[in-house]
């Protein structure tokens, strides 16, 4: 116990203030962008591909191209405003 008092006299304890939940601005912008432009159509195309591939027992088809198209559209939309929201 004495060692603890000695330690705290040289190194004061600092407690962080309670902060509200931090929200990632990229996540918020992605949610908004997912509803605009061609993103909904690309999402539907990706979902249709997933259902088609999932219904087959053996297939070489993947949905990587559809996923990349969708993510590219989201990223393109997000980058327009993301950096203005960063601190």
C-alpha atoms as a PDB file:
ATOM      1  CA  UNK A   1       0.000   0.000   0.000  1.00  0.00           C
ATOM      2  CA  UNK A   2       2.866   2.373   0.811  1.00  0.00           C
ATOM      3  CA  UNK A   3       4.395   1.702  -2.601  1.00  0.00           C
ATOM      4  CA  UNK A   4       1.117   2.698  -4.225  1.00  0.00           C
ATOM      5  CA  UNK A   5       1.086   6.082  -2.442  1.00  0.00           C
ATOM      6  CA  UNK A   6       4.698   6.649  -3.401  1.00  0.00           C
ATOM      7  CA  UNK A   7       3.907   5.803  -7.039  1.00  0.00           C
ATOM      8  CA  UNK A   8       0.853   8.088  -7.160  1.00  0.00           C
ATOM      9  CA  UNK A   9       2.813  11.003  -5.713  1.00  0.00           C
ATOM     10  CA  UNK A  10       5.160  10.919  -8.716  1.00  0.00           C
ATOM     11  CA  UNK A  11       2.658   9.811 -11.335  1.00  0.00           C
ATOM     12  CA  UNK A  12      -0.778  11.315 -10.833  1.00  0.00           C
ATOM     13  CA  UNK A  13      -3.770   9.377 -12.015  1.00  0.00           C
ATOM     14  CA  UNK A  14      -5.591  10.855 -14.946  1.00  0.00           C
ATOM     15  CA  UNK A  15      -9.125   9.767 -15.677  1.00  0.00           C
ATOM     16  CA  UNK A  16     -10.639  10.302 -19.103  1.00  0.00           C
ATOM     17  CA  UNK A  17     -13.825  12.260 -19.375  1.00  0.00           C
ATOM     18  CA  UNK A  18     -16.850  10.316 -20.399  1.00  0.00           C
ATOM     19  CA  UNK A  19     -17.482  10.803 -24.064  1.00  0.00           C
ATOM     20  CA  UNK A  20     -20.516  10.030 -26.102  1.00  0.00           C
ATOM     21  CA  UNK A  21     -20.276   7.077 -28.442  1.00  0.00           C
ATOM     22  CA  UNK A  22     -17.924   7.768 -31.304  1.00  0.00           C
ATOM     23  CA  UNK A  23     -19.503   7.146 -34.691  1.00  0.00           C
ATOM     24  CA  UNK A  24     -17.346   6.398 -37.712  1.00  0.00           C
ATOM     25  CA  UNK A  25     -18.288   8.965 -40.381  1.00  0.00           C
ATOM     26  CA  UNK A  26     -17.403   6.496 -43.144  1.00  0.00           C
ATOM     27  CA  UNK A  27     -20.018   4.046 -41.861  1.00  0.00           C
ATOM     28  CA  UNK A  28     -22.672   6.756 -41.751  1.00  0.00           C
ATOM     29  CA  UNK A  29     -21.835   7.946 -45.257  1.00  0.00           C
ATOM     30  CA  UNK A  30     -21.824   4.385 -46.623  1.00  0.00           C
ATOM     31  CA  UNK A  31     -25.324   3.839 -45.246  1.00  0.00           C
ATOM     32  CA  UNK A  32     -26.538   7.020 -46.950  1.00  0.00           C
ATOM     33  CA  UNK A  33     -24.740   6.270 -50.219  1.00  0.00           C
ATOM     34  CA  UNK A  34     -26.180   2.756 -50.312  1.00  0.00           C
ATOM     35  CA  UNK A  35     -29.586   4.326 -50.934  1.00  0.00           C
ATOM     36  CA  UNK A  36     -28.587   6.693 -53.757  1.00  0.00           C
ATOM     37  CA  UNK A  37     -27.396   6.537 -57.346  1.00  0.00           C
ATOM     38  CA  UNK A  38     -26.739   3.134 -58.830  1.00  0.00           C
ATOM     39  CA  UNK A  39     -25.833   1.548 -55.477  1.00  0.00           C
ATOM     40  CA  UNK A  40     -29.267  -0.060 -54.883  1.00  0.00           C
ATOM     41  CA  UNK A  41     -29.226  -1.664 -58.334  1.00  0.00           C
ATOM     42  CA  UNK A  42     -25.680  -2.942 -57.805  1.00  0.00           C
ATOM     43  CA  UNK A  43     -26.696  -4.350 -54.411  1.00  0.00           C
ATOM     44  CA  UNK A  44     -29.640  -6.173 -56.023  1.00  0.00           C
ATOM     45  CA  UNK A  45     -27.308  -7.580 -58.684  1.00  0.00           C
ATOM     46  CA  UNK A  46     -24.913  -8.786 -55.982  1.00  0.00           C
ATOM     47  CA  UNK A  47     -27.732 -10.374 -53.963  1.00  0.00           C
ATOM     48  CA  UNK A  48     -29.098 -12.147 -57.065  1.00  0.00           C
ATOM     49  CA  UNK A  49     -25.624 -13.530 -57.761  1.00  0.00           C
ATOM     50  CA  UNK A  50     -25.296 -14.760 -54.166  1.00  0.00           C
ATOM     51  CA  UNK A  51     -28.653 -16.528 -54.377  1.00  0.00           C
ATOM     52  CA  UNK A  52     -27.745 -18.102 -57.729  1.00  0.00           C
ATOM     53  CA  UNK A  53     -24.347 -19.311 -56.502  1.00  0.00           C
ATOM     54  CA  UNK A  54     -25.773 -20.473 -53.170  1.00  0.00           C
ATOM     55  CA  UNK A  55     -28.438 -22.578 -54.864  1.00  0.00           C
ATOM     56  CA  UNK A  56     -25.877 -24.656 -56.761  1.00  0.00           C
ATOM     57  CA  UNK A  57     -23.910 -27.463 -55.200  1.00  0.00           C
ATOM     58  CA  UNK A  58     -20.956 -27.192 -57.566  1.00  0.00           C
ATOM     59  CA  UNK A  59     -20.063 -24.022 -59.431  1.00  0.00           C
ATOM     60  CA  UNK A  60     -16.980 -22.089 -60.385  1.00  0.00           C
ATOM     61  CA  UNK A  61     -18.933 -18.829 -60.373  1.00  0.00           C
ATOM     62  CA  UNK A  62     -18.183 -16.272 -57.686  1.00  0.00           C
ATOM     63  CA  UNK A  63     -19.758 -12.911 -57.010  1.00  0.00           C
ATOM     64  CA  UNK A  64     -16.489 -11.031 -56.604  1.00  0.00           C
ATOM     65  CA  UNK A  65     -17.089  -8.798 -59.628  1.00  0.00           C
ATOM     66  CA  UNK A  66     -20.550  -7.799 -58.409  1.00  0.00           C
ATOM     67  CA  UNK A  67     -19.218  -7.132 -54.908  1.00  0.00           C
ATOM     68  CA  UNK A  68     -16.348  -5.001 -56.232  1.00  0.00           C
ATOM     69  CA  UNK A  69     -18.748  -3.009 -58.426  1.00  0.00           C
ATOM     70  CA  UNK A  70     -20.988  -2.304 -55.443  1.00  0.00           C
ATOM     71  CA  UNK A  71     -18.115  -1.359 -53.109  1.00  0.00           C
ATOM     72  CA  UNK A  72     -16.553   0.830 -55.793  1.00  0.00           C
ATOM     73  CA  UNK A  73     -19.822   2.751 -56.142  1.00  0.00           C
ATOM     74  CA  UNK A  74     -20.076   3.185 -52.359  1.00  0.00           C
ATOM     75  CA  UNK A  75     -16.468   4.343 -52.043  1.00  0.00           C
ATOM     76  CA  UNK A  76     -16.869   6.766 -54.927  1.00  0.00           C
ATOM     77  CA  UNK A  77     -19.888   8.334 -53.230  1.00  0.00           C
ATOM     78  CA  UNK A  78     -18.294   8.391 -49.754  1.00  0.00           C
ATOM     79  CA  UNK A  79     -15.046  10.047 -50.831  1.00  0.00           C
ATOM     80  CA  UNK A  80     -16.904  13.137 -52.003  1.00  0.00           C
ATOM     81  CA  UNK A  81     -17.603  14.206 -48.398  1.00  0.00           C
ATOM     82  CA  UNK A  82     -15.650  11.927 -46.052  1.00  0.00           C
ATOM     83  CA  UNK A  83     -12.507  14.025 -45.669  1.00  0.00           C
ATOM     84  CA  UNK A  84     -14.487  17.143 -44.801  1.00  0.00           C
ATOM     85  CA  UNK A  85     -15.939  15.263 -41.792  1.00  0.00           C
ATOM     86  CA  UNK A  86     -12.626  14.015 -40.388  1.00  0.00           C
ATOM     87  CA  UNK A  87     -10.926  15.905 -37.581  1.00  0.00           C
END
